[in-house]
């Protein structure tokens, strides 16, 4: 399993539990990967329609779709 695949699984699990929405920085810290790897994982999840993104000012909050 690659780092990105591991990050994808972990991000899905984190967003199932924490429904308030998290930034890329918060997700990268919780999965212990770089922001770049977290961004790639998030982009894949967003492309697959698994997560939704809500921009707030400079930040983007990421949520798991129900």
PDB file of N, CA and C in Angstrom:
ATOM      1  N   UNK A   1       0.849  -1.174   0.000  1.00  0.00           N
ATOM      2  CA  UNK A   1       0.000   0.000   0.000  1.00  0.00           C
ATOM      3  C   UNK A   1       0.895   1.239   0.000  1.00  0.00           C
ATOM      4  N   UNK A   2       0.585   2.171  -0.884  1.00  0.00           N
ATOM      5  CA  UNK A   2       1.379   3.398  -0.958  1.00  0.00           C
ATOM      6  C   UNK A   2       0.960   4.375   0.133  1.00  0.00           C
ATOM      7  N   UNK A   3       1.782   5.395   0.304  1.00  0.00           N
ATOM      8  CA  UNK A   3       1.481   6.430   1.299  1.00  0.00           C
ATOM      9  C   UNK A   3       0.149   7.107   1.002  1.00  0.00           C
ATOM     10  N   UNK A   4      -0.108   7.358  -0.275  1.00  0.00           N
ATOM     11  CA  UNK A   4      -1.348   8.021  -0.665  1.00  0.00           C
ATOM     12  C   UNK A   4      -2.555   7.137  -0.373  1.00  0.00           C
ATOM     13  N   UNK A   5      -2.455   5.855  -0.682  1.00  0.00           N
ATOM     14  CA  UNK A   5      -3.563   4.933  -0.414  1.00  0.00           C
ATOM     15  C   UNK A   5      -3.846   4.839   1.083  1.00  0.00           C
ATOM     16  N   UNK A   6      -2.786   4.802   1.885  1.00  0.00           N
ATOM     17  CA  UNK A   6      -2.951   4.760   3.338  1.00  0.00           C
ATOM     18  C   UNK A   6      -3.622   6.040   3.826  1.00  0.00           C
ATOM     19  N   UNK A   7      -3.178   7.180   3.272  1.00  0.00           N
ATOM     20  CA  UNK A   7      -3.754   8.473   3.650  1.00  0.00           C
ATOM     21  C   UNK A   7      -5.232   8.539   3.276  1.00  0.00           C
ATOM     22  N   UNK A   8      -5.584   8.015   2.121  1.00  0.00           N
ATOM     23  CA  UNK A   8      -6.982   8.010   1.682  1.00  0.00           C
ATOM     24  C   UNK A   8      -7.851   7.261   2.688  1.00  0.00           C
ATOM     25  N   UNK A   9      -7.418   6.073   3.076  1.00  0.00           N
ATOM     26  CA  UNK A   9      -8.186   5.277   4.044  1.00  0.00           C
ATOM     27  C   UNK A   9      -8.304   5.996   5.381  1.00  0.00           C
ATOM     28  N   UNK A  10      -7.194   6.556   5.846  1.00  0.00           N
ATOM     29  CA  UNK A  10      -7.205   7.236   7.131  1.00  0.00           C
ATOM     30  C   UNK A  10      -8.073   8.492   7.094  1.00  0.00           C
ATOM     31  N   UNK A  11      -8.022   9.237   6.006  1.00  0.00           N
ATOM     32  CA  UNK A  11      -8.838  10.451   5.880  1.00  0.00           C
ATOM     33  C   UNK A  11     -10.324  10.093   5.911  1.00  0.00           C
ATOM     34  N   UNK A  12     -10.695   9.032   5.213  1.00  0.00           N
ATOM     35  CA  UNK A  12     -12.093   8.603   5.245  1.00  0.00           C
ATOM     36  C   UNK A  12     -12.532   8.265   6.668  1.00  0.00           C
ATOM     37  N   UNK A  13     -11.697   7.545   7.395  1.00  0.00           N
ATOM     38  CA  UNK A  13     -12.020   7.175   8.776  1.00  0.00           C
ATOM     39  C   UNK A  13     -12.106   8.406   9.680  1.00  0.00           C
ATOM     40  N   UNK A  14     -11.176   9.327   9.518  1.00  0.00           N
ATOM     41  CA  UNK A  14     -11.169  10.554  10.335  1.00  0.00           C
ATOM     42  C   UNK A  14     -12.423  11.370  10.080  1.00  0.00           C
ATOM     43  N   UNK A  15     -12.808  11.511   8.806  1.00  0.00           N
ATOM     44  CA  UNK A  15     -13.971  12.321   8.473  1.00  0.00           C
ATOM     45  C   UNK A  15     -15.286  11.649   8.865  1.00  0.00           C
ATOM     46  N   UNK A  16     -15.283  10.323   9.027  1.00  0.00           N
ATOM     47  CA  UNK A  16     -16.477   9.639   9.536  1.00  0.00           C
ATOM     48  C   UNK A  16     -16.730  10.045  10.985  1.00  0.00           C
ATOM     49  N   UNK A  17     -15.652  10.169  11.754  1.00  0.00           N
ATOM     50  CA  UNK A  17     -15.755  10.478  13.178  1.00  0.00           C
ATOM     51  C   UNK A  17     -15.919  11.981  13.408  1.00  0.00           C
ATOM     52  N   UNK A  18     -15.115  12.781  12.725  1.00  0.00           N
ATOM     53  CA  UNK A  18     -15.117  14.235  12.928  1.00  0.00           C
ATOM     54  C   UNK A  18     -15.909  14.889  11.808  1.00  0.00           C
ATOM     55  N   UNK A  19     -17.162  15.207  12.088  1.00  0.00           N
ATOM     56  CA  UNK A  19     -18.060  15.711  11.043  1.00  0.00           C
ATOM     57  C   UNK A  19     -18.084  17.236  10.940  1.00  0.00           C
ATOM     58  N   UNK A  20     -17.238  17.932  11.699  1.00  0.00           N
ATOM     59  CA  UNK A  20     -17.260  19.397  11.677  1.00  0.00           C
ATOM     60  C   UNK A  20     -16.505  19.977  10.490  1.00  0.00           C
ATOM     61  N   UNK A  21     -15.789  19.163   9.732  1.00  0.00           N
ATOM     62  CA  UNK A  21     -15.013  19.637   8.589  1.00  0.00           C
ATOM     63  C   UNK A  21     -13.589  19.946   9.000  1.00  0.00           C
ATOM     64  N   UNK A  22     -12.629  19.473   8.229  1.00  0.00           N
ATOM     65  CA  UNK A  22     -11.216  19.658   8.548  1.00  0.00           C
ATOM     66  C   UNK A  22     -10.469  20.215   7.351  1.00  0.00           C
ATOM     67  N   UNK A  23      -9.410  20.975   7.632  1.00  0.00           N
ATOM     68  CA  UNK A  23      -8.565  21.533   6.581  1.00  0.00           C
ATOM     69  C   UNK A  23      -7.528  20.500   6.156  1.00  0.00           C
ATOM     70  N   UNK A  24      -6.843  20.781   5.055  1.00  0.00           N
ATOM     71  CA  UNK A  24      -5.770  19.910   4.596  1.00  0.00           C
ATOM     72  C   UNK A  24      -4.677  19.808   5.657  1.00  0.00           C
ATOM     73  N   UNK A  25      -4.354  20.918   6.290  1.00  0.00           N
ATOM     74  CA  UNK A  25      -3.322  20.931   7.335  1.00  0.00           C
ATOM     75  C   UNK A  25      -3.707  19.993   8.480  1.00  0.00           C
ATOM     76  N   UNK A  26      -4.945  20.087   8.939  1.00  0.00           N
ATOM     77  CA  UNK A  26      -5.403  19.230  10.039  1.00  0.00           C
ATOM     78  C   UNK A  26      -5.387  17.760   9.636  1.00  0.00           C
ATOM     79  N   UNK A  27      -5.818  17.474   8.410  1.00  0.00           N
ATOM     80  CA  UNK A  27      -5.815  16.089   7.944  1.00  0.00           C
ATOM     81  C   UNK A  27      -4.402  15.551   7.777  1.00  0.00           C
ATOM     82  N   UNK A  28      -3.489  16.391   7.300  1.00  0.00           N
ATOM     83  CA  UNK A  28      -2.097  15.926   7.136  1.00  0.00           C
ATOM     84  C   UNK A  28      -1.459  15.655   8.490  1.00  0.00           C
ATOM     85  N   UNK A  29      -1.770  16.477   9.493  1.00  0.00           N
ATOM     86  CA  UNK A  29      -1.228  16.246  10.830  1.00  0.00           C
ATOM     87  C   UNK A  29      -1.783  14.961  11.440  1.00  0.00           C
ATOM     88  N   UNK A  30      -3.075  14.724  11.272  1.00  0.00           N
ATOM     89  CA  UNK A  30      -3.689  13.528  11.856  1.00  0.00           C
ATOM     90  C   UNK A  30      -3.256  12.240  11.172  1.00  0.00           C
ATOM     91  N   UNK A  31      -2.982  12.299   9.863  1.00  0.00           N
ATOM     92  CA  UNK A  31      -2.545  11.106   9.138  1.00  0.00           C
ATOM     93  C   UNK A  31      -1.026  10.970   9.118  1.00  0.00           C
ATOM     94  N   UNK A  32      -0.339  11.995   9.611  1.00  0.00           N
ATOM     95  CA  UNK A  32       1.129  12.032   9.663  1.00  0.00           C
ATOM     96  C   UNK A  32       1.773  11.858   8.285  1.00  0.00           C
ATOM     97  N   UNK A  33       1.202  12.588   7.309  1.00  0.00           N
ATOM     98  CA  UNK A  33       1.793  12.659   5.970  1.00  0.00           C
ATOM     99  C   UNK A  33       1.991  14.133   5.634  1.00  0.00           C
ATOM    100  N   UNK A  34       2.727  14.408   4.569  1.00  0.00           N
ATOM    101  CA  UNK A  34       2.946  15.796   4.164  1.00  0.00           C
ATOM    102  C   UNK A  34       1.643  16.404   3.641  1.00  0.00           C
ATOM    103  N   UNK A  35       1.616  17.730   3.593  1.00  0.00           N
ATOM    104  CA  UNK A  35       0.434  18.409   3.062  1.00  0.00           C
ATOM    105  C   UNK A  35       0.217  18.042   1.597  1.00  0.00           C
ATOM    106  N   UNK A  36       1.299  17.818   0.863  1.00  0.00           N
ATOM    107  CA  UNK A  36       1.194  17.444  -0.562  1.00  0.00           C
ATOM    108  C   UNK A  36       0.490  16.092  -0.696  1.00  0.00           C
ATOM    109  N   UNK A  37       0.929  15.110   0.099  1.00  0.00           N
ATOM    110  CA  UNK A  37       0.317  13.783   0.053  1.00  0.00           C
ATOM    111  C   UNK A  37      -1.148  13.868   0.463  1.00  0.00           C
ATOM    112  N   UNK A  38      -1.441  14.638   1.500  1.00  0.00           N
ATOM    113  CA  UNK A  38      -2.830  14.817   1.931  1.00  0.00           C
ATOM    114  C   UNK A  38      -3.653  15.475   0.827  1.00  0.00           C
ATOM    115  N   UNK A  39      -3.081  16.455   0.144  1.00  0.00           N
ATOM    116  CA  UNK A  39      -3.786  17.133  -0.955  1.00  0.00           C
ATOM    117  C   UNK A  39      -4.104  16.174  -2.094  1.00  0.00           C
ATOM    118  N   UNK A  40      -3.158  15.311  -2.413  1.00  0.00           N
ATOM    119  CA  UNK A  40      -3.367  14.318  -3.481  1.00  0.00           C
ATOM    120  C   UNK A  40      -4.482  13.356  -3.075  1.00  0.00           C
ATOM    121  N   UNK A  41      -4.433  12.884  -1.839  1.00  0.00           N
ATOM    122  CA  UNK A  41      -5.457  11.961  -1.340  1.00  0.00           C
ATOM    123  C   UNK A  41      -6.832  12.627  -1.366  1.00  0.00           C
ATOM    124  N   UNK A  42      -6.899  13.868  -0.926  1.00  0.00           N
ATOM    125  CA  UNK A  42      -8.164  14.604  -0.902  1.00  0.00           C
ATOM    126  C   UNK A  42      -8.683  14.820  -2.322  1.00  0.00           C
ATOM    127  N   UNK A  43      -7.796  15.151  -3.248  1.00  0.00           N
ATOM    128  CA  UNK A  43      -8.209  15.357  -4.636  1.00  0.00           C
ATOM    129  C   UNK A  43      -8.798  14.072  -5.223  1.00  0.00           C
ATOM    130  N   UNK A  44      -8.191  12.933  -4.903  1.00  0.00           N
ATOM    131  CA  UNK A  44      -8.725  11.654  -5.389  1.00  0.00           C
ATOM    132  C   UNK A  44     -10.100  11.373  -4.786  1.00  0.00           C
ATOM    133  N   UNK A  45     -10.235  11.614  -3.488  1.00  0.00           N
ATOM    134  CA  UNK A  45     -11.517  11.391  -2.825  1.00  0.00           C
ATOM    135  C   UNK A  45     -12.592  12.331  -3.372  1.00  0.00           C
ATOM    136  N   UNK A  46     -12.207  13.564  -3.625  1.00  0.00           N
ATOM    137  CA  UNK A  46     -13.154  14.532  -4.177  1.00  0.00           C
ATOM    138  C   UNK A  46     -13.563  14.124  -5.596  1.00  0.00           C
ATOM    139  N   UNK A  47     -12.609  13.675  -6.381  1.00  0.00           N
ATOM    140  CA  UNK A  47     -12.892  13.228  -7.743  1.00  0.00           C
ATOM    141  C   UNK A  47     -13.811  12.017  -7.786  1.00  0.00           C
ATOM    142  N   UNK A  48     -13.691  11.150  -6.786  1.00  0.00           N
ATOM    143  CA  UNK A  48     -14.539   9.958  -6.695  1.00  0.00           C
ATOM    144  C   UNK A  48     -15.905  10.281  -6.095  1.00  0.00           C
ATOM    145  N   UNK A  49     -16.077  11.521  -5.624  1.00  0.00           N
ATOM    146  CA  UNK A  49     -17.350  11.921  -5.050  1.00  0.00           C
ATOM    147  C   UNK A  49     -17.551  11.450  -3.618  1.00  0.00           C
ATOM    148  N   UNK A  50     -16.466  11.123  -2.929  1.00  0.00           N
ATOM    149  CA  UNK A  50     -16.545  10.623  -1.560  1.00  0.00           C
ATOM    150  C   UNK A  50     -16.625  11.764  -0.559  1.00  0.00           C
ATOM    151  N   UNK A  51     -15.932  12.869  -0.864  1.00  0.00           N
ATOM    152  CA  UNK A  51     -15.948  14.011   0.057  1.00  0.00           C
ATOM    153  C   UNK A  51     -16.428  15.257  -0.669  1.00  0.00           C
ATOM    154  N   UNK A  52     -16.870  16.225   0.126  1.00  0.00           N
ATOM    155  CA  UNK A  52     -17.233  17.528  -0.432  1.00  0.00           C
ATOM    156  C   UNK A  52     -16.365  18.579   0.239  1.00  0.00           C
ATOM    157  N   UNK A  53     -16.164  19.683  -0.466  1.00  0.00           N
ATOM    158  CA  UNK A  53     -15.295  20.753   0.012  1.00  0.00           C
ATOM    159  C   UNK A  53     -16.130  22.019   0.151  1.00  0.00           C
ATOM    160  N   UNK A  54     -15.945  22.696   1.288  1.00  0.00           N
ATOM    161  CA  UNK A  54     -16.659  23.953   1.545  1.00  0.00           C
ATOM    162  C   UNK A  54     -15.636  25.055   1.781  1.00  0.00           C
ATOM    163  N   UNK A  55     -15.482  25.964   0.821  1.00  0.00           N
ATOM    164  CA  UNK A  55     -14.532  27.063   1.015  1.00  0.00           C
ATOM    165  C   UNK A  55     -15.060  28.091   2.015  1.00  0.00           C
ATOM    166  N   UNK A  56     -14.199  28.478   2.941  1.00  0.00           N
ATOM    167  CA  UNK A  56     -14.515  29.534   3.907  1.00  0.00           C
ATOM    168  C   UNK A  56     -13.305  30.453   3.944  1.00  0.00           C
ATOM    169  N   UNK A  57     -13.424  31.625   3.312  1.00  0.00           N
ATOM    170  CA  UNK A  57     -12.280  32.536   3.236  1.00  0.00           C
ATOM    171  C   UNK A  57     -11.125  31.870   2.519  1.00  0.00           C
ATOM    172  N   UNK A  58      -9.958  31.853   3.152  1.00  0.00           N
ATOM    173  CA  UNK A  58      -8.782  31.228   2.558  1.00  0.00           C
ATOM    174  C   UNK A  58      -8.765  29.726   2.728  1.00  0.00           C
ATOM    175  N   UNK A  59      -9.569  29.220   3.641  1.00  0.00           N
ATOM    176  CA  UNK A  59      -9.561  27.789   3.985  1.00  0.00           C
ATOM    177  C   UNK A  59     -10.592  27.013   3.201  1.00  0.00           C
ATOM    178  N   UNK A  60     -10.368  25.705   3.135  1.00  0.00           N
ATOM    179  CA  UNK A  60     -11.336  24.789   2.568  1.00  0.00           C
ATOM    180  C   UNK A  60     -11.561  23.694   3.611  1.00  0.00           C
ATOM    181  N   UNK A  61     -12.823  23.523   3.984  1.00  0.00           N
ATOM    182  CA  UNK A  61     -13.160  22.462   4.929  1.00  0.00           C
ATOM    183  C   UNK A  61     -13.637  21.257   4.148  1.00  0.00           C
ATOM    184  N   UNK A  62     -13.199  20.079   4.577  1.00  0.00           N
ATOM    185  CA  UNK A  62     -13.506  18.837   3.887  1.00  0.00           C
ATOM    186  C   UNK A  62     -14.435  17.983   4.737  1.00  0.00           C
ATOM    187  N   UNK A  63     -15.483  17.481   4.112  1.00  0.00           N
ATOM    188  CA  UNK A  63     -16.498  16.672   4.779  1.00  0.00           C
ATOM    189  C   UNK A  63     -16.698  15.380   3.999  1.00  0.00           C
ATOM    190  N   UNK A  64     -17.067  14.334   4.703  1.00  0.00           N
ATOM    191  CA  UNK A  64     -17.441  13.079   4.054  1.00  0.00           C
ATOM    192  C   UNK A  64     -18.874  13.213   3.584  1.00  0.00           C
ATOM    193  N   UNK A  65     -19.142  12.839   2.331  1.00  0.00           N
ATOM    194  CA  UNK A  65     -20.528  12.881   1.839  1.00  0.00           C
ATOM    195  C   UNK A  65     -21.287  11.741   2.479  1.00  0.00           C
ATOM    196  N   UNK A  66     -22.566  11.967   2.697  1.00  0.00           N
ATOM    197  CA  UNK A  66     -23.387  10.928   3.328  1.00  0.00           C
ATOM    198  C   UNK A  66     -24.032  10.040   2.324  1.00  0.00           C
TER     199      UNK A  66
END
